[in-house]
């Protein structure tokens, strides 16, 4: 999807005029088209949100800001070591 298409999709998510199942489908579509894992959650909650310490009323990003954040995300590659387990009893 293009940035413009993601913005239009994000506006539909934020407007919340569709049914819950339609909104869920929009979120899945959004998430499958950006590198940020579960990026659609950013329409509702800030990154690393903690209800005990954060004031959600101060969170008011634009759809464009969320789309740009999700599109600019770069995953960090972590190398995993292969571990061999010797299961012989001798």
C-alpha atoms as a PDB file:
ATOM      1  CA  UNK A   1       0.000   0.000   0.000  1.00  0.00           C
ATOM      2  CA  UNK A   2       1.103   3.549  -0.595  1.00  0.00           C
ATOM      3  CA  UNK A   3       1.483   6.124   2.153  1.00  0.00           C
ATOM      4  CA  UNK A   4      -1.679   7.834   0.910  1.00  0.00           C
ATOM      5  CA  UNK A   5      -3.652   4.567   1.031  1.00  0.00           C
ATOM      6  CA  UNK A   6      -2.382   3.894   4.568  1.00  0.00           C
ATOM      7  CA  UNK A   7      -3.457   7.398   5.621  1.00  0.00           C
ATOM      8  CA  UNK A   8      -6.947   6.815   4.204  1.00  0.00           C
ATOM      9  CA  UNK A   9      -7.115   3.461   5.983  1.00  0.00           C
ATOM     10  CA  UNK A  10      -5.898   5.077   9.205  1.00  0.00           C
ATOM     11  CA  UNK A  11      -8.634   7.698   8.947  1.00  0.00           C
ATOM     12  CA  UNK A  12     -11.229   4.931   8.693  1.00  0.00           C
ATOM     13  CA  UNK A  13      -9.777   3.262  11.778  1.00  0.00           C
ATOM     14  CA  UNK A  14      -9.807   6.504  13.771  1.00  0.00           C
ATOM     15  CA  UNK A  15     -13.325   7.476  12.631  1.00  0.00           C
ATOM     16  CA  UNK A  16     -14.636   4.133  13.969  1.00  0.00           C
ATOM     17  CA  UNK A  17     -17.844   4.345  11.934  1.00  0.00           C
ATOM     18  CA  UNK A  18     -17.719   0.716  10.808  1.00  0.00           C
ATOM     19  CA  UNK A  19     -18.577  -2.446  12.700  1.00  0.00           C
ATOM     20  CA  UNK A  20     -16.080  -3.965  15.096  1.00  0.00           C
ATOM     21  CA  UNK A  21     -15.272  -6.768  12.674  1.00  0.00           C
ATOM     22  CA  UNK A  22     -14.679  -4.262   9.855  1.00  0.00           C
ATOM     23  CA  UNK A  23     -12.385  -2.210  12.106  1.00  0.00           C
ATOM     24  CA  UNK A  24     -10.505  -5.377  13.034  1.00  0.00           C
ATOM     25  CA  UNK A  25     -10.065  -6.154   9.331  1.00  0.00           C
ATOM     26  CA  UNK A  26      -8.798  -2.602   8.714  1.00  0.00           C
ATOM     27  CA  UNK A  27      -6.281  -3.002  11.553  1.00  0.00           C
ATOM     28  CA  UNK A  28      -5.048  -6.322  10.137  1.00  0.00           C
ATOM     29  CA  UNK A  29      -4.718  -4.758   6.683  1.00  0.00           C
ATOM     30  CA  UNK A  30      -2.823  -1.780   8.105  1.00  0.00           C
ATOM     31  CA  UNK A  31      -0.507  -3.988  10.166  1.00  0.00           C
ATOM     32  CA  UNK A  32       0.261  -6.231   7.207  1.00  0.00           C
ATOM     33  CA  UNK A  33       1.425  -3.250   5.154  1.00  0.00           C
ATOM     34  CA  UNK A  34       3.820  -1.568   7.594  1.00  0.00           C
ATOM     35  CA  UNK A  35       7.041  -2.880   9.161  1.00  0.00           C
ATOM     36  CA  UNK A  36       6.002  -1.732  12.655  1.00  0.00           C
ATOM     37  CA  UNK A  37       4.516  -4.737  14.482  1.00  0.00           C
ATOM     38  CA  UNK A  38       0.912  -4.054  15.490  1.00  0.00           C
ATOM     39  CA  UNK A  39       1.283  -0.487  14.264  1.00  0.00           C
ATOM     40  CA  UNK A  40      -2.487   0.026  14.243  1.00  0.00           C
ATOM     41  CA  UNK A  41      -2.363   0.050  18.062  1.00  0.00           C
ATOM     42  CA  UNK A  42      -0.679   3.458  17.796  1.00  0.00           C
ATOM     43  CA  UNK A  43      -4.018   4.928  16.716  1.00  0.00           C
ATOM     44  CA  UNK A  44      -5.245   4.262  20.253  1.00  0.00           C
ATOM     45  CA  UNK A  45      -2.209   4.096  22.534  1.00  0.00           C
ATOM     46  CA  UNK A  46       1.299   5.578  22.521  1.00  0.00           C
ATOM     47  CA  UNK A  47       4.326   3.375  22.175  1.00  0.00           C
ATOM     48  CA  UNK A  48       5.208   1.695  25.497  1.00  0.00           C
ATOM     49  CA  UNK A  49       1.968   2.948  27.065  1.00  0.00           C
ATOM     50  CA  UNK A  50       1.552   2.257  30.772  1.00  0.00           C
ATOM     51  CA  UNK A  51      -1.906   3.041  32.175  1.00  0.00           C
ATOM     52  CA  UNK A  52      -0.517   3.513  35.694  1.00  0.00           C
ATOM     53  CA  UNK A  53       1.918   6.259  34.791  1.00  0.00           C
ATOM     54  CA  UNK A  54       0.864   7.733  31.421  1.00  0.00           C
ATOM     55  CA  UNK A  55      -1.914  10.240  30.792  1.00  0.00           C
ATOM     56  CA  UNK A  56      -3.699   9.000  27.668  1.00  0.00           C
ATOM     57  CA  UNK A  57      -5.549  12.312  27.300  1.00  0.00           C
ATOM     58  CA  UNK A  58      -2.266  13.915  26.198  1.00  0.00           C
ATOM     59  CA  UNK A  59      -1.836  11.439  23.338  1.00  0.00           C
ATOM     60  CA  UNK A  60      -3.187  13.040  20.174  1.00  0.00           C
ATOM     61  CA  UNK A  61      -1.060  12.209  17.120  1.00  0.00           C
ATOM     62  CA  UNK A  62      -2.315  12.777  13.603  1.00  0.00           C
ATOM     63  CA  UNK A  63      -2.980   9.852  11.302  1.00  0.00           C
ATOM     64  CA  UNK A  64      -0.096  11.046   9.157  1.00  0.00           C
ATOM     65  CA  UNK A  65       2.294  10.969  12.129  1.00  0.00           C
ATOM     66  CA  UNK A  66       1.313   7.397  12.949  1.00  0.00           C
ATOM     67  CA  UNK A  67       1.629   6.241   9.333  1.00  0.00           C
ATOM     68  CA  UNK A  68       5.041   7.882   9.022  1.00  0.00           C
ATOM     69  CA  UNK A  69       6.232   6.317  12.279  1.00  0.00           C
ATOM     70  CA  UNK A  70       5.065   2.891  11.150  1.00  0.00           C
ATOM     71  CA  UNK A  71       6.635   3.231   7.708  1.00  0.00           C
ATOM     72  CA  UNK A  72       9.968   4.456   9.053  1.00  0.00           C
ATOM     73  CA  UNK A  73      10.323   1.629  11.583  1.00  0.00           C
ATOM     74  CA  UNK A  74      13.441  -0.496  11.174  1.00  0.00           C
ATOM     75  CA  UNK A  75      13.536  -3.833  12.922  1.00  0.00           C
ATOM     76  CA  UNK A  76      16.714  -4.757  14.746  1.00  0.00           C
ATOM     77  CA  UNK A  77      18.172  -8.061  13.601  1.00  0.00           C
ATOM     78  CA  UNK A  78      19.347 -10.243  16.430  1.00  0.00           C
ATOM     79  CA  UNK A  79      21.565 -13.210  15.675  1.00  0.00           C
ATOM     80  CA  UNK A  80      20.665 -16.403  17.454  1.00  0.00           C
ATOM     81  CA  UNK A  81      23.306 -18.986  18.265  1.00  0.00           C
ATOM     82  CA  UNK A  82      22.568 -22.561  17.388  1.00  0.00           C
ATOM     83  CA  UNK A  83      22.707 -24.793  20.404  1.00  0.00           C
ATOM     84  CA  UNK A  84      23.328 -28.486  20.109  1.00  0.00           C
ATOM     85  CA  UNK A  85      22.030 -30.694  22.830  1.00  0.00           C
ATOM     86  CA  UNK A  86      23.748 -34.023  23.372  1.00  0.00           C
ATOM     87  CA  UNK A  87      21.014 -36.365  24.485  1.00  0.00           C
ATOM     88  CA  UNK A  88      23.085 -39.500  24.599  1.00  0.00           C
ATOM     89  CA  UNK A  89      23.612 -41.032  27.992  1.00  0.00           C
ATOM     90  CA  UNK A  90      27.030 -42.467  27.247  1.00  0.00           C
END
